Amino acid sequence: MELEGAVALVTGGGSGIGRATAIALADAGARVVITGRREDPLRDTAAAANSNQPVRYRVADLAEAEQVSDLVVWAEEQVGPINLLVNNAGVNVRDRALQSMSVAEWEYVMQVNANGAYYVVHAVLPSMRSHGGGLIINISSMAGVRAGSISGAAYSASKHALNALTEVINEEEGKNGIYATAICPGAVDTPILDNRPVVPSPEQRARILQPEDVAAAVLFVATLPKRAHVPELHIVPAPQ
């Protein structure tokens, strides 16, 4: 995909991986729309992009299917048919151990990370089909490859669901020129770490992946020749 003139929607664009990815895509020439639940971080991301194309933003709660549908309609009115979706928005809870996590907390994580991602995919697929294809990059996690107690049951389950969604998109939509990639990072220095039961120290955070590392992986996948496809990509901190 040539990023010059590509139309990208990035969820969770106000901070972390979403912010870094949106800025990188805009700087590479894409027309970018970002979304999230809070307006101020979205505005800050839009202002940080050094590109000729303004980064547009709209507040939306991805856990609400109707808001997602309205978001996609608005985005395509603003910048044109979306041909690159970066499904990045994700959450976790602090009390993630099975003995302490509530049903409501489980449902919250699954609703945003799994259902919300599906809502966006469901909303963009018709336009991608009618315009000859597209690329969906789901920002998953190594927790979607190997479940564990550090990430917790809900987060791990939601990322396994996201990886499964990626596989089915490829199986069903490849004939329509629509492909999906699950990027599975290890620990990344983003605000989600603040919800860990034991918050990593500044020294620990400096040694793990940074949002720009994952954004670079997104650009790699997005700029491959059409004959090449990466179904799943693992990126982890280098051994220390």
C-alpha atoms as a PDB file:
ATOM      1  CA  MET A   1       0.000   0.000   0.000  1.00  0.00           C
ATOM      2  CA  GLU A   2       1.205   3.476  -0.848  1.00  0.00           C
ATOM      3  CA  LEU A   3       0.627   5.591   2.229  1.00  0.00           C
ATOM      4  CA  GLU A   4       0.597   8.842   0.284  1.00  0.00           C
ATOM      5  CA  GLY A   5      -3.123   9.476  -0.016  1.00  0.00           C
ATOM      6  CA  ALA A   6      -4.184   6.372   1.923  1.00  0.00           C
ATOM      7  CA  VAL A   7      -7.123   6.883   4.271  1.00  0.00           C
ATOM      8  CA  ALA A   8      -6.520   5.515   7.761  1.00  0.00           C
ATOM      9  CA  LEU A   9      -8.690   5.196  10.851  1.00  0.00           C
ATOM     10  CA  VAL A  10      -6.761   4.680  14.102  1.00  0.00           C
ATOM     11  CA  THR A  11      -8.641   3.806  17.268  1.00  0.00           C
ATOM     12  CA  GLY A  12      -7.261   4.712  20.673  1.00  0.00           C
ATOM     13  CA  GLY A  13      -5.423   7.559  18.975  1.00  0.00           C
ATOM     14  CA  GLY A  14      -5.053   9.815  21.983  1.00  0.00           C
ATOM     15  CA  SER A  15      -2.096   8.108  23.642  1.00  0.00           C
ATOM     16  CA  GLY A  16       0.458   5.334  23.468  1.00  0.00           C
ATOM     17  CA  ILE A  17       0.604   3.142  20.378  1.00  0.00           C
ATOM     18  CA  GLY A  18      -2.391   4.815  18.752  1.00  0.00           C
ATOM     19  CA  ARG A  19      -0.866   8.270  19.071  1.00  0.00           C
ATOM     20  CA  ALA A  20       2.519   7.154  17.720  1.00  0.00           C
ATOM     21  CA  THR A  21       0.883   5.267  14.853  1.00  0.00           C
ATOM     22  CA  ALA A  22      -1.380   8.145  13.854  1.00  0.00           C
ATOM     23  CA  ILE A  23       1.533  10.582  13.757  1.00  0.00           C
ATOM     24  CA  ALA A  24       3.698   8.154  11.766  1.00  0.00           C
ATOM     25  CA  LEU A  25       0.953   7.498   9.223  1.00  0.00           C
ATOM     26  CA  ALA A  26       0.183  11.188   8.815  1.00  0.00           C
ATOM     27  CA  ASP A  27       3.866  12.025   8.407  1.00  0.00           C
ATOM     28  CA  ALA A  28       4.045   9.334   5.703  1.00  0.00           C
ATOM     29  CA  GLY A  29       1.287  11.052   3.732  1.00  0.00           C
ATOM     30  CA  ALA A  30      -1.856   9.253   4.840  1.00  0.00           C
ATOM     31  CA  ARG A  31      -5.102  11.021   5.587  1.00  0.00           C
ATOM     32  CA  VAL A  32      -5.715  10.031   9.187  1.00  0.00           C
ATOM     33  CA  VAL A  33      -8.752  10.009  11.443  1.00  0.00           C
ATOM     34  CA  ILE A  34      -8.304   9.129  15.101  1.00  0.00           C
ATOM     35  CA  THR A  35     -10.832   8.305  17.744  1.00  0.00           C
ATOM     36  CA  GLY A  36     -10.956   7.744  21.480  1.00  0.00           C
ATOM     37  CA  ARG A  37     -13.114   8.477  24.495  1.00  0.00           C
ATOM     38  CA  ARG A  38     -11.489  11.780  25.527  1.00  0.00           C
ATOM     39  CA  GLU A  39     -11.226  14.862  23.343  1.00  0.00           C
ATOM     40  CA  ASP A  40      -8.131  16.533  24.848  1.00  0.00           C
ATOM     41  CA  PRO A  41      -5.681  13.698  24.080  1.00  0.00           C
ATOM     42  CA  LEU A  42      -7.093  13.400  20.561  1.00  0.00           C
ATOM     43  CA  ARG A  43      -6.590  17.115  20.007  1.00  0.00           C
ATOM     44  CA  ASP A  44      -3.009  16.841  21.271  1.00  0.00           C
ATOM     45  CA  THR A  45      -2.247  13.992  18.867  1.00  0.00           C
ATOM     46  CA  ALA A  46      -3.695  15.920  15.947  1.00  0.00           C
ATOM     47  CA  ALA A  47      -1.567  18.946  16.835  1.00  0.00           C
ATOM     48  CA  ALA A  48       1.597  16.836  17.108  1.00  0.00           C
ATOM     49  CA  ALA A  49       1.457  15.492  13.543  1.00  0.00           C
ATOM     50  CA  ASN A  50       3.872  17.295  11.218  1.00  0.00           C
ATOM     51  CA  SER A  51       2.035  16.683   7.969  1.00  0.00           C
ATOM     52  CA  ASN A  52       0.350  18.614   5.203  1.00  0.00           C
ATOM     53  CA  GLN A  53      -2.824  16.625   5.812  1.00  0.00           C
ATOM     54  CA  PRO A  54      -4.557  17.547   9.086  1.00  0.00           C
ATOM     55  CA  VAL A  55      -5.291  14.671  11.443  1.00  0.00           C
ATOM     56  CA  ARG A  56      -9.002  14.685  12.124  1.00  0.00           C
ATOM     57  CA  TYR A  57     -10.506  13.353  15.317  1.00  0.00           C
ATOM     58  CA  ARG A  58     -13.853  12.420  16.770  1.00  0.00           C
ATOM     59  CA  VAL A  59     -14.768  11.232  20.240  1.00  0.00           C
ATOM     60  CA  ALA A  60     -16.458   7.819  20.299  1.00  0.00           C
ATOM     61  CA  ASP A  61     -16.934   4.947  22.713  1.00  0.00           C
ATOM     62  CA  LEU A  62     -16.038   1.799  20.792  1.00  0.00           C
ATOM     63  CA  ALA A  63     -18.063  -0.275  23.228  1.00  0.00           C
ATOM     64  CA  GLU A  64     -21.179   1.276  21.658  1.00  0.00           C
ATOM     65  CA  ALA A  65     -21.873  -0.173  18.200  1.00  0.00           C
ATOM     66  CA  GLU A  66     -24.051   2.760  17.120  1.00  0.00           C
ATOM     67  CA  GLN A  67     -21.322   5.271  17.967  1.00  0.00           C
ATOM     68  CA  VAL A  68     -18.844   3.228  15.932  1.00  0.00           C
ATOM     69  CA  SER A  69     -21.155   3.167  12.928  1.00  0.00           C
ATOM     70  CA  ASP A  70     -21.648   6.935  13.153  1.00  0.00           C
ATOM     71  CA  LEU A  71     -17.877   7.412  13.485  1.00  0.00           C
ATOM     72  CA  VAL A  72     -17.120   5.514  10.282  1.00  0.00           C
ATOM     73  CA  VAL A  73     -19.795   7.356   8.314  1.00  0.00           C
ATOM     74  CA  TRP A  74     -18.414  10.687   9.548  1.00  0.00           C
ATOM     75  CA  ALA A  75     -14.802   9.697   8.847  1.00  0.00           C
ATOM     76  CA  GLU A  76     -15.546   8.708   5.267  1.00  0.00           C
ATOM     77  CA  GLU A  77     -17.421  11.967   4.742  1.00  0.00           C
ATOM     78  CA  GLN A  78     -14.362  13.853   6.005  1.00  0.00           C
ATOM     79  CA  VAL A  79     -11.508  12.018   4.269  1.00  0.00           C
ATOM     80  CA  GLY A  80     -12.926   9.417   1.888  1.00  0.00           C
ATOM     81  CA  PRO A  81     -13.275   5.624   1.931  1.00  0.00           C
ATOM     82  CA  ILE A  82     -11.158   4.006   4.651  1.00  0.00           C
ATOM     83  CA  ASN A  83      -8.623   1.554   3.254  1.00  0.00           C
ATOM     84  CA  LEU A  84      -6.458   1.180   6.366  1.00  0.00           C
ATOM     85  CA  LEU A  85      -7.867   0.427   9.802  1.00  0.00           C
ATOM     86  CA  VAL A  86      -5.594   0.256  12.839  1.00  0.00           C
ATOM     87  CA  ASN A  87      -7.646  -1.322  15.612  1.00  0.00           C
ATOM     88  CA  ASN A  88      -5.599  -0.221  18.593  1.00  0.00           C
ATOM     89  CA  ALA A  89      -7.951   0.758  21.422  1.00  0.00           C
ATOM     90  CA  GLY A  90      -7.593  -1.494  24.444  1.00  0.00           C
ATOM     91  CA  VAL A  91      -8.092  -1.522  28.198  1.00  0.00           C
ATOM     92  CA  ASN A  92      -7.293  -3.609  31.243  1.00  0.00           C
ATOM     93  CA  VAL A  93      -8.248  -3.497  34.909  1.00  0.00           C
ATOM     94  CA  ARG A  94      -6.072  -3.462  37.993  1.00  0.00           C
ATOM     95  CA  ASP A  95      -7.833  -6.303  39.845  1.00  0.00           C
ATOM     96  CA  ARG A  96      -7.275  -8.862  37.087  1.00  0.00           C
ATOM     97  CA  ALA A  97      -6.659 -11.997  39.149  1.00  0.00           C
ATOM     98  CA  LEU A  98      -9.550 -14.476  39.010  1.00  0.00           C
ATOM     99  CA  GLN A  99     -10.089 -14.279  42.759  1.00  0.00           C
ATOM    100  CA  SER A 100     -10.600 -10.508  42.694  1.00  0.00           C
ATOM    101  CA  MET A 101     -11.864  -9.557  39.227  1.00  0.00           C
ATOM    102  CA  SER A 102     -15.595  -8.880  39.091  1.00  0.00           C
ATOM    103  CA  VAL A 103     -18.015  -9.897  36.362  1.00  0.00           C
ATOM    104  CA  ALA A 104     -18.400  -6.231  35.476  1.00  0.00           C
ATOM    105  CA  GLU A 105     -14.629  -5.859  35.037  1.00  0.00           C
ATOM    106  CA  TRP A 106     -14.480  -8.953  32.809  1.00  0.00           C
ATOM    107  CA  GLU A 107     -17.316  -7.579  30.675  1.00  0.00           C
ATOM    108  CA  TYR A 108     -15.662  -4.154  30.428  1.00  0.00           C
ATOM    109  CA  VAL A 109     -12.389  -5.568  29.091  1.00  0.00           C
ATOM    110  CA  MET A 110     -14.103  -7.913  26.646  1.00  0.00           C
ATOM    111  CA  GLN A 111     -16.516  -5.230  25.471  1.00  0.00           C
ATOM    112  CA  VAL A 112     -13.785  -2.769  24.535  1.00  0.00           C
ATOM    113  CA  ASN A 113     -10.998  -5.102  23.403  1.00  0.00           C
ATOM    114  CA  ALA A 114     -13.001  -7.761  21.568  1.00  0.00           C
ATOM    115  CA  ASN A 115     -16.486  -6.437  20.833  1.00  0.00           C
ATOM    116  CA  GLY A 116     -15.307  -2.892  20.141  1.00  0.00           C
ATOM    117  CA  ALA A 117     -12.691  -4.117  17.686  1.00  0.00           C
ATOM    118  CA  TYR A 118     -15.334  -6.181  15.909  1.00  0.00           C
ATOM    119  CA  TYR A 119     -17.717  -3.227  15.741  1.00  0.00           C
ATOM    120  CA  VAL A 120     -15.114  -1.182  13.862  1.00  0.00           C
ATOM    121  CA  VAL A 121     -14.286  -4.053  11.505  1.00  0.00           C
ATOM    122  CA  HIS A 122     -17.983  -4.602  10.845  1.00  0.00           C
ATOM    123  CA  ALA A 123     -18.429  -0.901  10.079  1.00  0.00           C
ATOM    124  CA  VAL A 124     -15.523  -0.561   7.622  1.00  0.00           C
ATOM    125  CA  LEU A 125     -15.861  -3.847   5.711  1.00  0.00           C
ATOM    126  CA  PRO A 126     -18.741  -2.845   3.391  1.00  0.00           C
ATOM    127  CA  SER A 127     -16.854   0.193   2.116  1.00  0.00           C
ATOM    128  CA  MET A 128     -13.612  -1.779   1.748  1.00  0.00           C
ATOM    129  CA  ARG A 129     -15.459  -4.412  -0.288  1.00  0.00           C
ATOM    130  CA  SER A 130     -17.079  -1.876  -2.561  1.00  0.00           C
ATOM    131  CA  HIS A 131     -13.820   0.022  -3.134  1.00  0.00           C
ATOM    132  CA  GLY A 132     -11.683  -2.979  -3.982  1.00  0.00           C
ATOM    133  CA  GLY A 133      -9.922  -3.892  -0.759  1.00  0.00           C
ATOM    134  CA  GLY A 134      -8.173  -2.689   2.333  1.00  0.00           C
ATOM    135  CA  LEU A 135      -5.880  -3.574   5.206  1.00  0.00           C
ATOM    136  CA  ILE A 136      -6.914  -4.130   8.802  1.00  0.00           C
ATOM    137  CA  ILE A 137      -4.156  -4.089  11.414  1.00  0.00           C
ATOM    138  CA  ASN A 138      -5.288  -5.336  14.799  1.00  0.00           C
ATOM    139  CA  ILE A 139      -2.988  -4.337  17.637  1.00  0.00           C
ATOM    140  CA  SER A 140      -3.155  -7.484  19.712  1.00  0.00           C
ATOM    141  CA  SER A 141      -0.627  -8.613  22.325  1.00  0.00           C
ATOM    142  CA  MET A 142       1.677 -11.456  23.237  1.00  0.00           C
ATOM    143  CA  ALA A 143      -1.084 -12.130  25.775  1.00  0.00           C
ATOM    144  CA  GLY A 144      -3.115 -13.215  22.752  1.00  0.00           C
ATOM    145  CA  VAL A 145      -0.447 -15.801  21.966  1.00  0.00           C
ATOM    146  CA  ARG A 146       0.323 -17.008  25.496  1.00  0.00           C
ATOM    147  CA  ALA A 147      -2.191 -16.255  28.217  1.00  0.00           C
ATOM    148  CA  GLY A 148      -0.864 -15.410  31.650  1.00  0.00           C
ATOM    149  CA  SER A 149      -1.652 -13.910  35.011  1.00  0.00           C
ATOM    150  CA  ILE A 150       0.361 -10.722  34.418  1.00  0.00           C
ATOM    151  CA  SER A 151      -2.106  -9.665  31.728  1.00  0.00           C
ATOM    152  CA  GLY A 152      -4.985 -11.486  33.385  1.00  0.00           C
ATOM    153  CA  ALA A 153      -7.709 -13.774  32.093  1.00  0.00           C
ATOM    154  CA  ALA A 154      -9.944 -11.103  30.596  1.00  0.00           C
ATOM    155  CA  TYR A 155      -7.204  -9.267  28.704  1.00  0.00           C
ATOM    156  CA  SER A 156      -5.667 -12.523  27.473  1.00  0.00           C
ATOM    157  CA  ALA A 157      -9.053 -13.825  26.348  1.00  0.00           C
ATOM    158  CA  SER A 158      -9.862 -10.587  24.556  1.00  0.00           C
ATOM    159  CA  LYS A 159      -6.572 -10.636  22.652  1.00  0.00           C
ATOM    160  CA  HIS A 160      -6.998 -14.297  21.716  1.00  0.00           C
ATOM    161  CA  ALA A 161     -10.396 -13.266  20.338  1.00  0.00           C
ATOM    162  CA  LEU A 162      -8.762 -10.468  18.355  1.00  0.00           C
ATOM    163  CA  ASN A 163      -6.248 -12.884  16.842  1.00  0.00           C
ATOM    164  CA  ALA A 164      -9.081 -15.228  15.882  1.00  0.00           C
ATOM    165  CA  LEU A 165     -10.960 -12.345  14.271  1.00  0.00           C
ATOM    166  CA  THR A 166      -7.840 -11.539  12.262  1.00  0.00           C
ATOM    167  CA  GLU A 167      -7.614 -15.100  10.965  1.00  0.00           C
ATOM    168  CA  VAL A 168     -11.258 -15.176   9.915  1.00  0.00           C
ATOM    169  CA  ILE A 169     -10.978 -11.830   8.114  1.00  0.00           C
ATOM    170  CA  ASN A 170      -8.178 -13.290   6.024  1.00  0.00           C
ATOM    171  CA  GLU A 171     -10.091 -16.490   5.322  1.00  0.00           C
ATOM    172  CA  GLU A 172     -13.355 -14.790   4.338  1.00  0.00           C
ATOM    173  CA  GLU A 173     -12.299 -11.441   2.915  1.00  0.00           C
ATOM    174  CA  GLY A 174      -9.058 -12.209   1.076  1.00  0.00           C
ATOM    175  CA  LYS A 175     -11.084 -12.817  -2.079  1.00  0.00           C
ATOM    176  CA  ASN A 176     -12.277  -9.211  -1.770  1.00  0.00           C
ATOM    177  CA  GLY A 177      -8.748  -7.823  -1.497  1.00  0.00           C
ATOM    178  CA  ILE A 178      -9.091  -7.270   2.247  1.00  0.00           C
ATOM    179  CA  TYR A 179      -6.315  -8.566   4.484  1.00  0.00           C
ATOM    180  CA  ALA A 180      -5.664  -8.435   8.211  1.00  0.00           C
ATOM    181  CA  THR A 181      -2.587  -8.540  10.395  1.00  0.00           C
ATOM    182  CA  ALA A 182      -2.399  -9.102  14.131  1.00  0.00           C
ATOM    183  CA  ILE A 183       0.572  -7.275  15.610  1.00  0.00           C
ATOM    184  CA  CYS A 184       1.380  -8.850  18.968  1.00  0.00           C
ATOM    185  CA  PRO A 185       3.707  -6.710  21.083  1.00  0.00           C
ATOM    186  CA  GLY A 186       5.221  -7.666  24.364  1.00  0.00           C
ATOM    187  CA  ALA A 187       5.272  -5.060  27.125  1.00  0.00           C
ATOM    188  CA  VAL A 188       5.029  -1.504  25.773  1.00  0.00           C
ATOM    189  CA  ASP A 189       5.508   1.695  27.768  1.00  0.00           C
ATOM    190  CA  THR A 190       1.967   3.034  27.504  1.00  0.00           C
ATOM    191  CA  PRO A 191      -0.595   4.290  30.037  1.00  0.00           C
ATOM    192  CA  ILE A 192      -2.148   0.819  30.282  1.00  0.00           C
ATOM    193  CA  LEU A 193       0.831  -0.181  32.456  1.00  0.00           C
ATOM    194  CA  ASP A 194      -0.464   2.185  35.115  1.00  0.00           C
ATOM    195  CA  ASN A 195      -3.273  -0.317  35.697  1.00  0.00           C
ATOM    196  CA  ARG A 196      -0.949  -3.183  36.566  1.00  0.00           C
ATOM    197  CA  PRO A 197      -1.197  -4.411  40.163  1.00  0.00           C
ATOM    198  CA  VAL A 198       2.497  -3.547  40.446  1.00  0.00           C
ATOM    199  CA  VAL A 199       3.302  -0.543  38.254  1.00  0.00           C
ATOM    200  CA  PRO A 200       6.698  -0.867  36.509  1.00  0.00           C
ATOM    201  CA  SER A 201       9.397   1.565  37.585  1.00  0.00           C
ATOM    202  CA  PRO A 202      10.707   4.264  35.224  1.00  0.00           C
ATOM    203  CA  GLU A 203      13.852   2.167  34.770  1.00  0.00           C
ATOM    204  CA  GLN A 204      11.816  -0.887  33.789  1.00  0.00           C
ATOM    205  CA  ARG A 205       9.673   1.150  31.412  1.00  0.00           C
ATOM    206  CA  ALA A 206      12.764   2.497  29.671  1.00  0.00           C
ATOM    207  CA  ARG A 207      13.916  -1.058  28.879  1.00  0.00           C
ATOM    208  CA  ILE A 208      10.707  -2.308  27.250  1.00  0.00           C
ATOM    209  CA  LEU A 209       9.128  -1.468  23.913  1.00  0.00           C
ATOM    210  CA  GLN A 210       8.136   2.107  23.198  1.00  0.00           C
ATOM    211  CA  PRO A 211       5.003   3.133  21.252  1.00  0.00           C
ATOM    212  CA  GLU A 212       7.160   4.240  18.309  1.00  0.00           C
ATOM    213  CA  ASP A 213       8.481   0.681  17.974  1.00  0.00           C
ATOM    214  CA  VAL A 214       4.997  -0.675  17.370  1.00  0.00           C
ATOM    215  CA  ALA A 215       4.167   2.247  15.069  1.00  0.00           C
ATOM    216  CA  ALA A 216       7.212   1.280  12.995  1.00  0.00           C
ATOM    217  CA  ALA A 217       5.836  -2.260  12.742  1.00  0.00           C
ATOM    218  CA  VAL A 218       2.505  -0.856  11.545  1.00  0.00           C
ATOM    219  CA  LEU A 219       4.259   1.127   8.822  1.00  0.00           C
ATOM    220  CA  PHE A 220       6.235  -1.946   7.796  1.00  0.00           C
ATOM    221  CA  VAL A 221       3.075  -4.014   7.372  1.00  0.00           C
ATOM    222  CA  ALA A 222       1.164  -1.196   5.698  1.00  0.00           C
ATOM    223  CA  THR A 223       3.825  -0.495   3.078  1.00  0.00           C
ATOM    224  CA  LEU A 224       4.514  -4.052   1.929  1.00  0.00           C
ATOM    225  CA  PRO A 225       3.838  -4.822  -1.752  1.00  0.00           C
ATOM    226  CA  LYS A 226       0.335  -6.178  -2.342  1.00  0.00           C
ATOM    227  CA  ARG A 227       1.802  -9.597  -3.138  1.00  0.00           C
ATOM    228  CA  ALA A 228       3.108  -9.853   0.447  1.00  0.00           C
ATOM    229  CA  HIS A 229       1.064 -10.376   3.584  1.00  0.00           C
ATOM    230  CA  VAL A 230       1.976 -10.756   7.259  1.00  0.00           C
ATOM    231  CA  PRO A 231      -0.857 -12.549   9.084  1.00  0.00           C
ATOM    232  CA  GLU A 232       0.743 -12.193  12.534  1.00  0.00           C
ATOM    233  CA  LEU A 233       3.768 -10.300  13.755  1.00  0.00           C
ATOM    234  CA  HIS A 234       5.424 -10.650  17.161  1.00  0.00           C
ATOM    235  CA  ILE A 235       7.535  -7.796  18.516  1.00  0.00           C
ATOM    236  CA  VAL A 236       9.079  -8.065  21.971  1.00  0.00           C
ATOM    237  CA  PRO A 237      11.696  -6.236  24.020  1.00  0.00           C
ATOM    238  CA  ALA A 238      15.241  -7.217  23.080  1.00  0.00           C
ATOM    239  CA  PRO A 239      17.030  -9.460  25.601  1.00  0.00           C
ATOM    240  CA  GLN A 240      18.843  -7.407  28.205  1.00  0.00           C
END
